[in-house]
Every structure is written in C-alpha cells, then in structure tokens.
Amino acid sequence: MHETARRPPAPFPLTVLTGFLGAGKTTLLNRLLREPALADTLVLINEFGEIGLDHLLVEKIDGDMVVMTSGCLCCTIRGDLTATLEDLLRRRDNGRIAPFTRVVIETTGLADPAPVLHTLMYHPYLTLRFRLDGVVTLVDALNGDAILDRHAEAIKQVAVADRLVITKTDLLDASGGATRLRARLSALNPTALQFDAARGEAVAEKLLNIGLYDPDRKIPDVRRWLNAEALVDQHGHAHHGQESHAHDSHAQDSHTHDINRHDAKIRAFALRHSEPMPVSAFEMFLELLRTAHGAHLLRVKGIVALADDPARPLVIHGVQHMFHPPARLETWPDDDRTTRIVFILYDMDPAFIEALWKGFAGLSAPDRAASDENQSPPAGD
C-alpha cells in the first residue's frame, strides 16, 4: 500500500454543544441535523431518550448507534468520552461505519464543558484526529438570568463559548428582558457572537466552521477566531455606553446588584504586545500561569510573536490548566504581527497576568483592552 494511503485523514472538526437544562439543545440539534452542512456528521449524546430523533431514524446499527436520513450517525457516549471517540475512529478507519467528516458532542445540561475540552487537548491521539471547531452555548431567555445566578456551571458554559445562542425570546414580553440578558452575556464573554434562535439566526452557517482555520481557504483566520476587537469595542464608546445604561438602570434593584457582584468574578481581557517574546521567557510565563493558576483560566486563546523566529508566530489555546500543543504557523495570517492573547478569567485580576508577563518579558507592561464593567479582587493563589 502507498505510504500516503496509510496516513490518517486531516483532523475532523468537532463542535461542543452545551447549555443548561431546558435551554433547547435538543430542538436546535434536530434543526441543525436537517441542514446539508451537517451531512456525514457524527453526533455524540448521552442518551437517545433525551433527544427526539425518531423521525430521523433509518436504521439501528447496534445498541449505541443509529443512522439518520440526513446521513448523520448518532451515538451514545458510553461512560468515558476518550474510549468512545477511540472506538468510533477504529470503526471508521476499518470501514465498519460511514466515514463521518464532522463531530458534534452534546453535553448534559448540568455539565461543566471543561472536561470535554480537556479530553480533546490532552490525549495525544485525539489531538491528531480532531480539531476543536468551537463551543456553542445555548441560553434560555426565559430563565437565563435565574440560572446564571444559581449555577456556576451555567456561568462557565457561557464563559468558554465561541458562539452564544439565545433561545425562547419569542416567549418574552416587551419588558426588555432579552436586552438585559444579552448585555449580561456580553459582559461575561465579550468575544462570543450572539444569535437569536427564535429569529432563525441559529443556523449551521453561523455555528460551524468557526475555529482557527478557515475551511474554504485552508488558512488560519486568527482575527475571526480571537475576536479580540470585541474587547476593545466593549471598552470603547459604542458598547460601553450601552452596557453602562443597562447596569445603571437597575442599580437600585438589590437583586440585580447581587448578580453584578457575582458576575464580577468573570473577567475578559486581551493582552497585546508589539515586541517578540524570548522563547524561554514565554514558556516559563505560560507554564507558571498554567500550573499555579490554571483554575482561574476559563479559556485562553492567542497568537504570539517569538524572538527566535518572529516571522512564524505561535498559536496557543487553553482551558484551565490544560493547553493544546502549541502550533507554529508558517507565516502571519495578516498584517498585524503583534502578540494578542485573549483571556476569560475566573476570580483573577488581569493586572496580575500583565505583571507576570512584564516580569518574564522584561518589557514595559503591554496594552490591555478590558471591560471595566466588572471588577474582581486579585487572585487568591
């Protein structure tokens, strides 16, 4: 057999679909599975009984898998996600199941999505076969505020998202509840684009192919992936004034005041610097941050200029203490050759990271774009 024939295919894009109980994941997934973009997709769910796929079911392969009219495969997660994914890859490579080209994992409503992301970042074989395309989080407009108040998992689901889908807005009255919720979600995660399911915005075109690589041009699209400009916008006049109004209009409501104090534990900011970082200094910076303060790093994404080869930037992506193996790009994807790292933090002051960066780089403190709406105490490490 020719050598190239034995090579595994390019990594499959993998989307994590999450959201708290009752957010509408089942409804959205059913709708997405009817779109041509999800043909030849492998869907992983916890139990078939939790999702109404009977109208799509064509054939049951075994106790864990069904084939749907759309061409998708649907499989239950049997305990360990790593074992499930490895088994499915073996079946695909051996021709025992259809050759899926995309994977969607639906988490349980109570799940912290971080362990799923850790699985994809840590396992050496899975990092070769899958690439994280994005995290899509659903938020129920009717109950979203109350859920975010009471459940830390819901806060984390929002904080790690690349896309936020707001559901059930058509069931709200005209009191502005959806506007307040959107402002709150923007404060928690300014870089995640928001879509309204009731308006038909939650379609495959908006929710898929949102990772680092543009699937059409086959090149990195760092600006879209980081969306660091959203942090600048939130700090600037366009968004700052709107969000200030949303918070101030409820300043007399003690319940809302408590919400804002709770949300203040989440901070989003972008670290930017124009000078290349010495390789050893950057490795020490990242290692110290990861090992000593990983619990505070809900999500980290960035492109870094390194002094050993400034023409070939390094791409990093982490969730808490777990980081995907850094990748060197062959060239900068655009004219912006500055280091840009987006952080979503829990109970940690961005000033601590800036000071740490300054200490290792031996440079002046980098410029930072951050949301001033939230205030949090320094890290307690």
Protein backbone atom coordinates (compact mmCIF):
# COMPACT_ATOMS: atom_id res chain seq x y z
CA MET A 1 0.00 0.00 0.00
CA HIS A 2 1.24 3.50 -0.81
CA GLU A 3 2.56 5.43 2.19
CA THR A 4 0.03 8.25 1.82
CA ALA A 5 -2.83 5.74 1.86
CA ARG A 6 -1.91 4.73 5.42
CA ARG A 7 -1.92 8.28 6.74
CA PRO A 8 -4.92 9.30 8.82
CA PRO A 9 -7.19 11.91 7.27
CA ALA A 10 -6.98 15.58 8.20
CA PRO A 11 -8.34 16.25 11.71
CA PHE A 12 -12.12 16.28 11.88
CA PRO A 13 -13.78 19.47 13.10
CA LEU A 14 -15.51 18.92 16.44
CA THR A 15 -18.19 21.16 17.92
CA VAL A 16 -19.22 21.09 21.58
CA LEU A 17 -22.91 21.95 22.03
CA THR A 18 -23.69 22.90 25.61
CA GLY A 19 -26.20 24.83 27.68
CA PHE A 20 -28.11 24.40 30.91
CA LEU A 21 -31.15 22.15 31.37
CA GLY A 22 -34.10 23.36 29.32
CA ALA A 23 -32.06 25.69 27.12
CA GLY A 24 -33.24 23.95 23.94
CA LYS A 25 -30.22 21.91 22.85
CA THR A 26 -32.44 19.08 21.57
CA THR A 27 -34.57 21.43 19.48
CA LEU A 28 -31.54 23.16 17.97
CA LEU A 29 -29.74 19.89 17.26
CA ASN A 30 -32.78 18.46 15.48
CA ARG A 31 -32.98 21.55 13.31
CA LEU A 32 -29.27 21.58 12.51
CA LEU A 33 -29.29 17.91 11.53
CA ARG A 34 -31.67 18.73 8.69
CA GLU A 35 -29.18 21.13 7.12
CA PRO A 36 -26.89 19.86 4.32
CA ALA A 37 -23.86 21.24 6.15
CA LEU A 38 -24.24 18.51 8.78
CA ALA A 39 -24.42 15.60 6.37
CA ASP A 40 -21.86 12.93 7.27
CA THR A 41 -21.72 14.21 10.84
CA LEU A 42 -21.21 12.04 13.90
CA VAL A 43 -23.40 13.16 16.81
CA LEU A 44 -22.50 12.10 20.35
CA ILE A 45 -25.20 12.37 23.00
CA ASN A 46 -25.59 10.92 26.47
CA GLU A 47 -28.84 9.04 25.93
CA PHE A 48 -31.06 8.56 22.88
CA GLY A 49 -34.02 9.03 25.16
CA GLU A 50 -33.04 12.66 25.76
CA ILE A 51 -33.36 13.65 22.12
CA GLY A 52 -36.28 13.08 19.79
CA LEU A 53 -34.63 11.57 16.73
CA ASP A 54 -37.33 9.03 15.89
CA HIS A 55 -38.41 10.91 12.78
CA LEU A 56 -34.80 10.90 11.54
CA LEU A 57 -34.05 7.30 12.40
CA VAL A 58 -33.50 4.96 9.47
CA GLU A 59 -31.50 2.07 10.82
CA LYS A 60 -30.06 0.98 14.14
CA ILE A 61 -26.51 -0.31 13.73
CA ASP A 62 -26.12 -1.63 17.25
CA GLY A 63 -27.18 -0.71 20.74
CA ASP A 64 -25.20 2.51 20.67
CA MET A 65 -25.57 3.84 17.12
CA VAL A 66 -28.27 4.81 14.66
CA VAL A 67 -28.14 6.10 11.09
CA MET A 68 -30.34 9.07 10.22
CA THR A 69 -31.90 10.18 6.95
CA SER A 70 -29.55 13.16 6.83
CA GLY A 71 -26.58 10.80 6.56
CA CYS A 72 -25.53 11.50 10.14
CA LEU A 73 -24.54 8.88 12.66
CA CYS A 74 -25.83 9.24 16.20
CA CYS A 75 -24.03 7.52 19.06
CA THR A 76 -24.40 7.43 22.83
CA ILE A 77 -21.38 8.27 24.98
CA ARG A 78 -20.54 5.12 26.87
CA GLY A 79 -19.01 6.41 30.07
CA ASP A 80 -15.56 7.61 29.09
CA LEU A 81 -15.51 10.07 26.19
CA THR A 82 -11.95 9.13 25.23
CA ALA A 83 -12.85 5.44 24.86
CA THR A 84 -15.95 6.32 22.84
CA LEU A 85 -14.02 8.52 20.42
CA GLU A 86 -11.19 5.99 20.03
CA ASP A 87 -13.70 3.22 19.30
CA LEU A 88 -15.51 5.32 16.71
CA LEU A 89 -12.25 6.19 14.99
CA ARG A 90 -11.36 2.48 14.78
CA ARG A 91 -14.76 1.69 13.30
CA ARG A 92 -14.42 4.46 10.75
CA ASP A 93 -10.86 3.52 9.77
CA ASN A 94 -11.88 -0.13 9.38
CA GLY A 95 -14.92 0.71 7.27
CA ARG A 96 -17.42 -0.58 9.84
CA ILE A 97 -19.31 2.73 9.97
CA ALA A 98 -19.86 5.52 7.48
CA PRO A 99 -16.88 7.87 7.06
CA PHE A 100 -18.07 10.84 9.09
CA THR A 101 -16.38 14.18 8.40
CA ARG A 102 -17.54 16.20 11.41
CA VAL A 103 -18.38 15.54 15.09
CA VAL A 104 -20.90 17.26 17.37
CA ILE A 105 -20.88 16.47 21.10
CA GLU A 106 -23.95 17.46 23.09
CA THR A 107 -23.14 17.75 26.78
CA THR A 108 -25.61 17.20 29.59
CA GLY A 109 -27.35 20.30 30.87
CA LEU A 110 -25.53 20.19 34.20
CA ALA A 111 -22.10 19.62 32.69
CA ASP A 112 -19.09 21.84 33.03
CA PRO A 113 -17.78 21.75 29.43
CA ALA A 114 -14.14 21.99 30.53
CA PRO A 115 -13.55 18.20 30.93
CA VAL A 116 -14.78 17.62 27.37
CA LEU A 117 -12.35 20.24 26.09
CA HIS A 118 -9.56 18.77 28.23
CA THR A 119 -10.09 15.40 26.55
CA LEU A 120 -9.52 16.94 23.13
CA MET A 121 -6.46 18.89 24.26
CA TYR A 122 -4.68 16.28 26.36
CA HIS A 123 -4.98 12.94 24.57
CA PRO A 124 -2.13 12.73 22.01
CA TYR A 125 -4.03 10.57 19.52
CA LEU A 126 -7.25 12.55 19.72
CA THR A 127 -5.39 15.82 19.16
CA LEU A 128 -4.16 14.33 15.87
CA ARG A 129 -7.59 13.19 14.72
CA PHE A 130 -9.85 16.02 15.93
CA ARG A 131 -9.64 19.79 16.00
CA LEU A 132 -11.93 21.86 18.17
CA ASP A 133 -14.09 23.87 15.80
CA GLY A 134 -15.93 25.72 18.54
CA VAL A 135 -18.07 25.74 21.65
CA VAL A 136 -21.74 26.66 21.12
CA THR A 137 -23.65 27.51 24.30
CA LEU A 138 -27.43 27.88 24.48
CA VAL A 139 -29.05 30.23 27.00
CA ASP A 140 -32.76 30.21 27.80
CA ALA A 141 -34.08 33.77 27.60
CA LEU A 142 -36.96 32.98 29.97
CA ASN A 143 -34.86 31.57 32.80
CA GLY A 144 -31.32 32.55 31.83
CA ASP A 145 -30.80 35.20 34.48
CA ALA A 146 -32.03 33.00 37.31
CA ILE A 147 -29.94 30.05 36.10
CA LEU A 148 -26.81 32.18 35.86
CA ASP A 149 -27.46 33.45 39.39
CA ARG A 150 -27.70 29.98 40.90
CA HIS A 151 -25.44 27.67 38.92
CA ALA A 152 -21.70 28.09 38.45
CA GLU A 153 -21.79 25.54 35.61
CA ALA A 154 -24.04 27.85 33.59
CA ILE A 155 -21.59 30.73 34.06
CA LYS A 156 -18.74 28.54 32.82
CA GLN A 157 -20.78 27.36 29.84
CA VAL A 158 -21.19 30.99 28.79
CA ALA A 159 -17.60 31.99 29.57
CA VAL A 160 -15.95 29.31 27.39
CA ALA A 161 -18.29 29.76 24.40
CA ASP A 162 -17.33 30.85 20.90
CA ARG A 163 -20.98 31.32 19.99
CA LEU A 164 -23.98 32.04 22.23
CA VAL A 165 -27.46 31.05 21.07
CA ILE A 166 -30.29 32.74 22.97
CA THR A 167 -33.47 30.67 22.85
CA LYS A 168 -37.16 31.33 23.64
CA THR A 169 -37.01 35.10 23.08
CA ASP A 170 -40.38 34.78 21.32
CA LEU A 171 -41.92 33.81 24.69
CA LEU A 172 -40.82 37.00 26.43
CA ASP A 173 -42.93 40.10 26.84
CA ALA A 174 -41.72 43.52 25.73
CA SER A 175 -40.13 44.45 29.06
CA GLY A 176 -36.58 44.33 27.72
CA GLY A 177 -35.59 41.05 29.37
CA ALA A 178 -33.78 39.81 26.27
CA THR A 179 -31.81 43.07 26.01
CA ARG A 180 -30.68 42.82 29.62
CA LEU A 181 -29.70 39.19 29.16
CA ARG A 182 -27.67 39.99 26.05
CA ALA A 183 -25.85 42.74 27.93
CA ARG A 184 -25.08 40.34 30.76
CA LEU A 185 -23.78 37.70 28.37
CA SER A 186 -21.65 40.31 26.62
CA ALA A 187 -20.12 41.29 29.95
CA LEU A 188 -19.34 37.64 30.77
CA ASN A 189 -17.93 36.81 27.34
CA PRO A 190 -17.48 39.79 25.01
CA THR A 191 -15.74 37.75 22.29
CA ALA A 192 -18.61 35.28 21.74
CA LEU A 193 -21.01 36.24 18.97
CA GLN A 194 -24.69 36.05 19.93
CA PHE A 195 -27.57 34.66 17.85
CA ASP A 196 -31.32 34.59 18.43
CA ALA A 197 -32.79 31.14 17.77
CA ALA A 198 -36.37 32.44 17.56
CA ARG A 199 -35.35 34.75 14.70
CA GLY A 200 -33.82 31.88 12.75
CA GLU A 201 -30.25 33.05 13.33
CA ALA A 202 -29.00 29.76 14.83
CA VAL A 203 -28.11 28.05 11.57
CA ALA A 204 -25.14 25.90 10.61
CA GLU A 205 -23.53 28.74 8.67
CA LYS A 206 -23.29 30.77 11.89
CA LEU A 207 -22.35 27.98 14.30
CA LEU A 208 -19.97 25.75 12.31
CA ASN A 209 -16.52 26.38 10.84
CA ILE A 210 -15.69 28.95 13.50
CA GLY A 211 -12.32 27.60 14.60
CA LEU A 212 -8.83 28.84 13.87
CA TYR A 213 -8.77 27.67 10.27
CA ASP A 214 -10.98 28.98 7.51
CA PRO A 215 -12.26 25.74 5.91
CA ASP A 216 -12.67 27.33 2.48
CA ARG A 217 -9.28 28.99 2.19
CA LYS A 218 -7.49 26.35 4.33
CA ILE A 219 -5.52 29.06 6.10
CA PRO A 220 -5.65 30.44 9.65
CA ASP A 221 -8.17 33.19 10.34
CA VAL A 222 -6.77 34.43 13.63
CA ARG A 223 -8.68 37.71 13.72
CA ARG A 224 -12.05 35.95 13.48
CA TRP A 225 -11.01 33.23 15.93
CA LEU A 226 -9.80 35.61 18.64
CA ASN A 227 -12.34 38.38 18.05
CA ALA A 228 -10.16 40.50 20.33
CA GLU A 229 -11.64 43.63 18.77
CA ALA A 230 -14.83 42.91 20.69
CA LEU A 231 -12.97 43.62 23.92
CA VAL A 232 -11.77 46.94 22.56
CA ASP A 233 -15.30 47.76 21.39
CA GLN A 234 -16.76 46.91 24.77
CA HIS A 235 -14.26 49.22 26.42
CA GLY A 236 -14.94 51.96 23.89
CA HIS A 237 -17.90 54.24 23.39
CA ALA A 238 -20.07 52.06 21.17
CA HIS A 239 -20.66 49.25 23.62
CA HIS A 240 -19.51 50.79 26.87
CA GLY A 241 -22.28 53.35 26.98
CA GLN A 242 -24.98 50.82 26.12
CA GLU A 243 -23.87 48.36 28.79
CA SER A 244 -23.44 51.09 31.39
CA HIS A 245 -27.02 52.10 30.79
CA ALA A 246 -28.18 48.51 31.19
CA HIS A 247 -26.43 48.17 34.54
CA ASP A 248 -27.23 51.64 35.86
CA SER A 249 -30.93 51.32 35.06
CA HIS A 250 -31.10 48.51 37.62
CA ALA A 251 -28.68 49.88 40.18
CA GLN A 252 -31.46 50.35 42.70
CA ASP A 253 -32.53 46.72 42.42
CA SER A 254 -30.62 44.89 45.17
CA HIS A 255 -31.13 41.55 43.39
CA THR A 256 -29.50 42.88 40.22
CA HIS A 257 -26.72 44.35 42.34
CA ASP A 258 -26.01 40.86 43.69
CA ILE A 259 -25.97 39.49 40.16
CA ASN A 260 -23.37 42.04 39.12
CA ARG A 261 -21.17 41.21 42.12
CA HIS A 262 -21.39 37.52 41.24
CA ASP A 263 -20.60 38.08 37.56
CA ALA A 264 -17.65 40.27 38.55
CA LYS A 265 -15.68 37.10 39.19
CA ILE A 266 -15.55 36.65 35.40
CA ARG A 267 -13.13 38.97 33.61
CA ALA A 268 -12.35 39.08 29.90
CA PHE A 269 -9.37 40.97 28.55
CA ALA A 270 -6.88 40.97 25.70
CA LEU A 271 -3.16 41.21 26.29
CA ARG A 272 -1.34 42.80 23.34
CA HIS A 273 2.36 43.49 22.80
CA SER A 274 4.34 44.55 19.76
CA GLU A 275 7.77 43.10 20.57
CA PRO A 276 8.65 39.41 20.10
CA MET A 277 8.92 37.44 23.35
CA PRO A 278 12.04 35.34 24.11
CA VAL A 279 11.08 31.69 23.74
CA SER A 280 12.28 30.57 27.16
CA ALA A 281 10.57 33.52 28.83
CA PHE A 282 7.27 32.77 27.14
CA GLU A 283 7.47 29.08 28.04
CA MET A 284 8.07 29.95 31.69
CA PHE A 285 5.26 32.50 31.66
CA LEU A 286 2.80 30.00 30.25
CA GLU A 287 3.94 27.14 32.48
CA LEU A 288 3.67 29.18 35.66
CA LEU A 289 0.28 30.51 34.66
CA ARG A 290 -0.99 27.04 33.76
CA THR A 291 0.31 25.09 36.76
CA ALA A 292 -0.16 27.65 39.54
CA HIS A 293 -3.25 29.50 38.34
CA GLY A 294 -4.96 27.09 35.95
CA ALA A 295 -8.20 27.07 37.92
CA HIS A 296 -8.64 30.75 37.08
CA LEU A 297 -8.13 30.35 33.31
CA LEU A 298 -11.54 29.51 31.90
CA ARG A 299 -10.25 29.96 28.37
CA VAL A 300 -7.09 31.31 26.74
CA LYS A 301 -6.58 31.87 23.01
CA GLY A 302 -3.76 33.72 21.35
CA ILE A 303 -1.13 34.27 18.69
CA VAL A 304 2.37 35.03 19.96
CA ALA A 305 5.43 36.58 18.32
CA LEU A 306 8.59 34.79 19.49
CA ALA A 307 12.10 36.17 19.22
CA ASP A 308 13.70 33.03 17.73
CA ASP A 309 11.59 33.26 14.56
CA PRO A 310 9.37 36.38 14.51
CA ALA A 311 8.08 35.54 11.04
CA ARG A 312 6.43 32.33 12.29
CA PRO A 313 4.00 33.04 15.14
CA LEU A 314 2.89 30.56 17.76
CA VAL A 315 -0.82 29.79 18.30
CA ILE A 316 -1.92 28.81 21.82
CA HIS A 317 -5.26 27.57 23.13
CA GLY A 318 -6.02 26.50 26.69
CA VAL A 319 -8.86 25.72 29.06
CA GLN A 320 -7.90 25.98 32.74
CA HIS A 321 -4.67 24.01 33.32
CA MET A 322 -4.88 22.12 30.03
CA PHE A 323 -3.38 23.55 26.84
CA HIS A 324 -3.46 22.19 23.33
CA PRO A 325 0.07 21.58 21.99
CA PRO A 326 1.16 25.00 20.64
CA ALA A 327 1.39 25.21 16.85
CA ARG A 328 3.74 27.30 14.74
CA LEU A 329 2.19 28.95 11.71
CA GLU A 330 4.26 29.19 8.55
CA THR A 331 3.58 32.91 8.34
CA TRP A 332 1.48 35.63 9.88
CA PRO A 333 -2.08 35.41 8.56
CA ASP A 334 -2.44 39.20 8.17
CA ASP A 335 -0.52 42.45 8.54
CA ASP A 336 -0.98 42.56 12.31
CA ARG A 337 2.18 40.99 13.73
CA THR A 338 1.62 41.77 17.37
CA THR A 339 1.12 39.27 20.16
CA ARG A 340 -2.58 39.03 21.04
CA ILE A 341 -3.85 36.76 23.80
CA VAL A 342 -7.50 36.70 24.87
CA PHE A 343 -8.20 35.61 28.45
CA ILE A 344 -11.51 34.68 30.10
CA LEU A 345 -10.68 34.61 33.81
CA TYR A 346 -12.44 33.48 36.95
CA ASP A 347 -11.74 35.36 40.18
CA MET A 348 -8.44 36.74 38.93
CA ASP A 349 -7.30 40.31 38.29
CA PRO A 350 -5.96 40.89 34.76
CA ALA A 351 -3.29 43.13 36.31
CA PHE A 352 -1.69 40.01 37.81
CA ILE A 353 -1.23 38.45 34.37
CA GLU A 354 0.10 41.72 32.97
CA ALA A 355 2.65 41.97 35.76
CA LEU A 356 3.67 38.35 35.22
CA TRP A 357 4.10 38.97 31.50
CA LYS A 358 6.14 42.09 32.17
CA GLY A 359 8.37 40.21 34.58
CA PHE A 360 9.21 37.44 32.11
CA ALA A 361 9.44 39.60 29.02
CA GLY A 362 11.50 42.30 30.67
CA LEU A 363 9.46 44.80 28.72
CA SER A 364 7.06 47.58 29.56
CA ALA A 365 3.58 46.50 30.55
CA PRO A 366 1.52 45.59 27.47
CA ASP A 367 -1.53 47.45 26.39
CA ARG A 368 -4.73 45.86 27.61
CA ALA A 369 -8.28 46.07 26.34
CA ALA A 370 -10.62 45.09 29.13
CA SER A 371 -14.18 45.50 30.25
CA ASP A 372 -14.40 47.97 33.13
CA GLU A 373 -17.96 46.94 33.85
CA ASN A 374 -16.77 44.05 36.01
CA GLN A 375 -14.49 44.45 38.99
CA SER A 376 -12.85 41.50 40.71
CA PRO A 377 -10.36 41.03 43.54
CA PRO A 378 -6.80 39.83 42.87
CA ALA A 379 -6.25 36.12 42.52
CA GLY A 380 -6.23 34.27 45.80
CA ASP A 381 -3.39 31.94 44.91
